[in-house]
Amino acid sequence: ALKSGFNYILTDPNASDYSGVITVD
């Protein structure tokens, strides 16, 4: 599930607008 989220972000052209990701349970 985490990797699905990360992969989605990496394919998002707007991802560079963000500094990072916070994973939350």
PDB file of all heavy atoms in Angstrom:
ATOM      1  N   ALA A   1       0.833  -1.213   0.000  1.00  0.00           N
ATOM      2  CA  ALA A   1       0.000   0.000   0.000  1.00  0.00           C
ATOM      3  C   ALA A   1       0.860   1.253   0.000  1.00  0.00           C
ATOM      4  O   ALA A   1       0.589   2.215  -0.728  1.00  0.00           O
ATOM      5  CB  ALA A   1      -0.932  -0.013   1.207  1.00  0.00           C
ATOM      6  N   LEU A   2       1.923   1.258   0.802  1.00  0.00           N
ATOM      7  CA  LEU A   2       2.827   2.407   0.826  1.00  0.00           C
ATOM      8  C   LEU A   2       3.489   2.600  -0.534  1.00  0.00           C
ATOM      9  O   LEU A   2       3.588   3.727  -1.043  1.00  0.00           O
ATOM     10  CB  LEU A   2       3.891   2.222   1.908  1.00  0.00           C
ATOM     11  CG  LEU A   2       3.420   2.400   3.360  1.00  0.00           C
ATOM     12  CD1 LEU A   2       4.504   1.959   4.333  1.00  0.00           C
ATOM     13  CD2 LEU A   2       3.023   3.838   3.638  1.00  0.00           C
ATOM     14  N   LYS A   3       3.932   1.510  -1.131  1.00  0.00           N
ATOM     15  CA  LYS A   3       4.587   1.616  -2.438  1.00  0.00           C
ATOM     16  C   LYS A   3       3.617   2.088  -3.511  1.00  0.00           C
ATOM     17  O   LYS A   3       4.007   2.813  -4.436  1.00  0.00           O
ATOM     18  CB  LYS A   3       5.223   0.279  -2.814  1.00  0.00           C
ATOM     19  CG  LYS A   3       6.495  -0.009  -2.020  1.00  0.00           C
ATOM     20  CD  LYS A   3       7.240  -1.220  -2.530  1.00  0.00           C
ATOM     21  CE  LYS A   3       6.684  -2.502  -1.965  1.00  0.00           C
ATOM     22  NZ  LYS A   3       7.544  -3.668  -2.298  1.00  0.00           N
ATOM     23  N   SER A   4       2.341   1.708  -3.398  1.00  0.00           N
ATOM     24  CA  SER A   4       1.343   2.209  -4.348  1.00  0.00           C
ATOM     25  C   SER A   4       1.212   3.723  -4.222  1.00  0.00           C
ATOM     26  O   SER A   4       1.127   4.442  -5.230  1.00  0.00           O
ATOM     27  CB  SER A   4      -0.016   1.545  -4.095  1.00  0.00           C
ATOM     28  OG  SER A   4       0.017   0.171  -4.409  1.00  0.00           O
ATOM     29  N   GLY A   5       1.211   4.204  -2.974  1.00  0.00           N
ATOM     30  CA  GLY A   5       1.145   5.653  -2.749  1.00  0.00           C
ATOM     31  C   GLY A   5       2.365   6.371  -3.277  1.00  0.00           C
ATOM     32  O   GLY A   5       2.263   7.412  -3.933  1.00  0.00           O
ATOM     33  N   PHE A   6       3.542   5.808  -3.019  1.00  0.00           N
ATOM     34  CA  PHE A   6       4.785   6.429  -3.489  1.00  0.00           C
ATOM     35  C   PHE A   6       4.833   6.459  -5.024  1.00  0.00           C
ATOM     36  O   PHE A   6       5.258   7.450  -5.626  1.00  0.00           O
ATOM     37  CB  PHE A   6       5.999   5.669  -2.958  1.00  0.00           C
ATOM     38  CG  PHE A   6       6.128   5.664  -1.456  1.00  0.00           C
ATOM     39  CD1 PHE A   6       6.956   4.751  -0.809  1.00  0.00           C
ATOM     40  CD2 PHE A   6       5.428   6.577  -0.678  1.00  0.00           C
ATOM     41  CE1 PHE A   6       7.091   4.755   0.569  1.00  0.00           C
ATOM     42  CE2 PHE A   6       5.542   6.577   0.719  1.00  0.00           C
ATOM     43  CZ  PHE A   6       6.376   5.660   1.329  1.00  0.00           C
ATOM     44  N   ASN A   7       4.428   5.351  -5.633  1.00  0.00           N
ATOM     45  CA  ASN A   7       4.457   5.277  -7.090  1.00  0.00           C
ATOM     46  C   ASN A   7       3.516   6.312  -7.710  1.00  0.00           C
ATOM     47  O   ASN A   7       3.849   6.942  -8.724  1.00  0.00           O
ATOM     48  CB  ASN A   7       4.069   3.876  -7.544  1.00  0.00           C
ATOM     49  CG  ASN A   7       4.220   3.691  -9.040  1.00  0.00           C
ATOM     50  OD1 ASN A   7       5.321   3.695  -9.563  1.00  0.00           O
ATOM     51  ND2 ASN A   7       3.104   3.545  -9.743  1.00  0.00           N
ATOM     52  N   TYR A   8       2.363   6.488  -7.086  1.00  0.00           N
ATOM     53  CA  TYR A   8       1.413   7.494  -7.582  1.00  0.00           C
ATOM     54  C   TYR A   8       2.038   8.890  -7.540  1.00  0.00           C
ATOM     55  O   TYR A   8       1.908   9.676  -8.486  1.00  0.00           O
ATOM     56  CB  TYR A   8       0.138   7.469  -6.746  1.00  0.00           C
ATOM     57  CG  TYR A   8      -0.868   8.513  -7.141  1.00  0.00           C
ATOM     58  CD1 TYR A   8      -1.766   8.299  -8.184  1.00  0.00           C
ATOM     59  CD2 TYR A   8      -0.914   9.741  -6.475  1.00  0.00           C
ATOM     60  CE1 TYR A   8      -2.687   9.263  -8.559  1.00  0.00           C
ATOM     61  CE2 TYR A   8      -1.824  10.718  -6.845  1.00  0.00           C
ATOM     62  CZ  TYR A   8      -2.704  10.476  -7.889  1.00  0.00           C
ATOM     63  OH  TYR A   8      -3.605  11.454  -8.265  1.00  0.00           O
ATOM     64  N   ILE A   9       2.736   9.174  -6.445  1.00  0.00           N
ATOM     65  CA  ILE A   9       3.373  10.494  -6.303  1.00  0.00           C
ATOM     66  C   ILE A   9       4.450  10.685  -7.368  1.00  0.00           C
ATOM     67  O   ILE A   9       4.568  11.754  -7.971  1.00  0.00           O
ATOM     68  CB  ILE A   9       3.973  10.642  -4.890  1.00  0.00           C
ATOM     69  CG1 ILE A   9       2.854  10.675  -3.843  1.00  0.00           C
ATOM     70  CG2 ILE A   9       4.816  11.914  -4.788  1.00  0.00           C
ATOM     71  CD1 ILE A   9       3.339  10.531  -2.424  1.00  0.00           C
ATOM     72  N   LEU A  10       5.241   9.642  -7.607  1.00  0.00           N
ATOM     73  CA  LEU A  10       6.330   9.750  -8.582  1.00  0.00           C
ATOM     74  C   LEU A  10       5.816   9.961 -10.008  1.00  0.00           C
ATOM     75  O   LEU A  10       6.534  10.492 -10.857  1.00  0.00           O
ATOM     76  CB  LEU A  10       7.203   8.492  -8.526  1.00  0.00           C
ATOM     77  CG  LEU A  10       8.086   8.351  -7.274  1.00  0.00           C
ATOM     78  CD1 LEU A  10       8.735   6.975  -7.230  1.00  0.00           C
ATOM     79  CD2 LEU A  10       9.148   9.439  -7.233  1.00  0.00           C
ATOM     80  N   THR A  11       4.591   9.547 -10.269  1.00  0.00           N
ATOM     81  CA  THR A  11       4.022   9.756 -11.611  1.00  0.00           C
ATOM     82  C   THR A  11       3.229  11.058 -11.715  1.00  0.00           C
ATOM     83  O   THR A  11       2.726  11.389 -12.791  1.00  0.00           O
ATOM     84  CB  THR A  11       3.089   8.590 -11.985  1.00  0.00           C
ATOM     85  OG1 THR A  11       2.022   8.491 -11.028  1.00  0.00           O
ATOM     86  CG2 THR A  11       3.856   7.269 -12.014  1.00  0.00           C
ATOM     87  N   ASP A  12       3.143  11.786 -10.610  1.00  0.00           N
ATOM     88  CA  ASP A  12       2.405  13.046 -10.588  1.00  0.00           C
ATOM     89  C   ASP A  12       3.334  14.189 -11.015  1.00  0.00           C
ATOM     90  O   ASP A  12       4.351  14.436 -10.360  1.00  0.00           O
ATOM     91  CB  ASP A  12       1.868  13.302  -9.176  1.00  0.00           C
ATOM     92  CG  ASP A  12       1.021  14.567  -9.086  1.00  0.00           C
ATOM     93  OD1 ASP A  12       0.907  15.299 -10.099  1.00  0.00           O
ATOM     94  OD2 ASP A  12       0.474  14.830  -7.998  1.00  0.00           O
ATOM     95  N   PRO A  13       3.026  14.902 -12.076  1.00  0.00           N
ATOM     96  CA  PRO A  13       3.904  15.999 -12.535  1.00  0.00           C
ATOM     97  C   PRO A  13       4.009  17.145 -11.530  1.00  0.00           C
ATOM     98  O   PRO A  13       4.931  17.962 -11.613  1.00  0.00           O
ATOM     99  CB  PRO A  13       3.246  16.462 -13.833  1.00  0.00           C
ATOM    100  CG  PRO A  13       1.833  15.993 -13.742  1.00  0.00           C
ATOM    101  CD  PRO A  13       1.864  14.725 -12.971  1.00  0.00           C
ATOM    102  N   ASN A  14       3.079  17.202 -10.572  1.00  0.00           N
ATOM    103  CA  ASN A  14       3.109  18.275  -9.570  1.00  0.00           C
ATOM    104  C   ASN A  14       3.885  17.883  -8.304  1.00  0.00           C
ATOM    105  O   ASN A  14       3.937  18.660  -7.355  1.00  0.00           O
ATOM    106  CB  ASN A  14       1.687  18.678  -9.186  1.00  0.00           C
ATOM    107  CG  ASN A  14       0.910  19.236 -10.372  1.00  0.00           C
ATOM    108  OD1 ASN A  14       1.447  20.019 -11.154  1.00  0.00           O
ATOM    109  ND2 ASN A  14      -0.347  18.836 -10.507  1.00  0.00           N
ATOM    110  N   ALA A  15       4.447  16.683  -8.291  1.00  0.00           N
ATOM    111  CA  ALA A  15       5.126  16.208  -7.081  1.00  0.00           C
ATOM    112  C   ALA A  15       6.299  17.096  -6.696  1.00  0.00           C
ATOM    113  O   ALA A  15       6.617  17.237  -5.512  1.00  0.00           O
ATOM    114  CB  ALA A  15       5.598  14.772  -7.279  1.00  0.00           C
ATOM    115  N   SER A  16       6.941  17.695  -7.675  1.00  0.00           N
ATOM    116  CA  SER A  16       8.097  18.544  -7.393  1.00  0.00           C
ATOM    117  C   SER A  16       7.728  19.794  -6.598  1.00  0.00           C
ATOM    118  O   SER A  16       8.611  20.489  -6.077  1.00  0.00           O
ATOM    119  CB  SER A  16       8.787  18.948  -8.695  1.00  0.00           C
ATOM    120  OG  SER A  16       7.882  19.641  -9.544  1.00  0.00           O
ATOM    121  N   ASP A  17       6.440  20.090  -6.492  1.00  0.00           N
ATOM    122  CA  ASP A  17       6.002  21.240  -5.692  1.00  0.00           C
ATOM    123  C   ASP A  17       6.123  20.960  -4.196  1.00  0.00           C
ATOM    124  O   ASP A  17       6.010  21.884  -3.384  1.00  0.00           O
ATOM    125  CB  ASP A  17       4.544  21.593  -6.013  1.00  0.00           C
ATOM    126  CG  ASP A  17       4.363  22.071  -7.448  1.00  0.00           C
ATOM    127  OD1 ASP A  17       5.359  22.505  -8.049  1.00  0.00           O
ATOM    128  OD2 ASP A  17       3.229  22.007  -7.955  1.00  0.00           O
ATOM    129  N   TYR A  18       6.336  19.694  -3.840  1.00  0.00           N
ATOM    130  CA  TYR A  18       6.369  19.291  -2.431  1.00  0.00           C
ATOM    131  C   TYR A  18       7.781  18.869  -2.034  1.00  0.00           C
ATOM    132  O   TYR A  18       8.548  18.365  -2.860  1.00  0.00           O
ATOM    133  CB  TYR A  18       5.395  18.137  -2.187  1.00  0.00           C
ATOM    134  CG  TYR A  18       3.951  18.513  -2.407  1.00  0.00           C
ATOM    135  CD1 TYR A  18       3.374  18.409  -3.674  1.00  0.00           C
ATOM    136  CD2 TYR A  18       3.171  18.981  -1.363  1.00  0.00           C
ATOM    137  CE1 TYR A  18       2.049  18.763  -3.893  1.00  0.00           C
ATOM    138  CE2 TYR A  18       1.844  19.337  -1.564  1.00  0.00           C
ATOM    139  CZ  TYR A  18       1.296  19.223  -2.832  1.00  0.00           C
ATOM    140  OH  TYR A  18      -0.018  19.584  -3.035  1.00  0.00           O
ATOM    141  N   SER A  19       8.094  19.057  -0.758  1.00  0.00           N
ATOM    142  CA  SER A  19       9.427  18.698  -0.266  1.00  0.00           C
ATOM    143  C   SER A  19       9.521  17.239   0.150  1.00  0.00           C
ATOM    144  O   SER A  19      10.606  16.665   0.159  1.00  0.00           O
ATOM    145  CB  SER A  19       9.805  19.586   0.928  1.00  0.00           C
ATOM    146  OG  SER A  19       8.868  19.410   1.978  1.00  0.00           O
ATOM    147  N   GLY A  20       8.394  16.645   0.513  1.00  0.00           N
ATOM    148  CA  GLY A  20       8.454  15.268   0.980  1.00  0.00           C
ATOM    149  C   GLY A  20       7.106  14.667   1.261  1.00  0.00           C
ATOM    150  O   GLY A  20       6.050  15.275   1.019  1.00  0.00           O
ATOM    151  N   VAL A  21       7.151  13.453   1.785  1.00  0.00           N
ATOM    152  CA  VAL A  21       5.959  12.658   2.080  1.00  0.00           C
ATOM    153  C   VAL A  21       5.982  12.269   3.546  1.00  0.00           C
ATOM    154  O   VAL A  21       7.043  11.935   4.086  1.00  0.00           O
ATOM    155  CB  VAL A  21       5.933  11.387   1.210  1.00  0.00           C
ATOM    156  CG1 VAL A  21       4.792  10.475   1.611  1.00  0.00           C
ATOM    157  CG2 VAL A  21       5.840  11.747  -0.267  1.00  0.00           C
ATOM    158  N   ILE A  22       4.836  12.317   4.176  1.00  0.00           N
ATOM    159  CA  ILE A  22       4.710  11.814   5.543  1.00  0.00           C
ATOM    160  C   ILE A  22       3.766  10.621   5.528  1.00  0.00           C
ATOM    161  O   ILE A  22       2.616  10.738   5.091  1.00  0.00           O
ATOM    162  CB  ILE A  22       4.194  12.889   6.512  1.00  0.00           C
ATOM    163  CG1 ILE A  22       5.202  14.031   6.611  1.00  0.00           C
ATOM    164  CG2 ILE A  22       3.941  12.288   7.902  1.00  0.00           C
ATOM    165  CD1 ILE A  22       4.758  15.163   7.508  1.00  0.00           C
ATOM    166  N   THR A  23       4.255   9.466   5.973  1.00  0.00           N
ATOM    167  CA  THR A  23       3.405   8.283   6.061  1.00  0.00           C
ATOM    168  C   THR A  23       2.752   8.248   7.436  1.00  0.00           C
ATOM    169  O   THR A  23       3.403   8.465   8.457  1.00  0.00           O
ATOM    170  CB  THR A  23       4.215   6.996   5.838  1.00  0.00           C
ATOM    171  OG1 THR A  23       5.197   6.845   6.876  1.00  0.00           O
ATOM    172  CG2 THR A  23       4.913   7.035   4.485  1.00  0.00           C
ATOM    173  N   VAL A  24       1.454   7.981   7.440  1.00  0.00           N
ATOM    174  CA  VAL A  24       0.663   8.007   8.667  1.00  0.00           C
ATOM    175  C   VAL A  24      -0.155   6.727   8.749  1.00  0.00           C
ATOM    176  O   VAL A  24      -0.771   6.307   7.763  1.00  0.00           O
ATOM    177  CB  VAL A  24      -0.289   9.228   8.687  1.00  0.00           C
ATOM    178  CG1 VAL A  24      -1.110   9.263   9.978  1.00  0.00           C
ATOM    179  CG2 VAL A  24       0.496  10.529   8.518  1.00  0.00           C
ATOM    180  N   ASP A  25      -0.164   6.072   9.909  1.00  0.00           N
ATOM    181  CA  ASP A  25      -1.001   4.886  10.084  1.00  0.00           C
ATOM    182  C   ASP A  25      -2.469   5.276  10.151  1.00  0.00           C
ATOM    183  O   ASP A  25      -2.808   6.349  10.674  1.00  0.00           O
ATOM    184  CB  ASP A  25      -0.603   4.136  11.354  1.00  0.00           C
ATOM    185  CG  ASP A  25       0.748   3.438  11.211  1.00  0.00           C
ATOM    186  OD1 ASP A  25       1.254   3.362  10.075  1.00  0.00           O
ATOM    187  OD2 ASP A  25       1.279   2.982  12.236  1.00  0.00           O
TER     188      ASP A  25
END
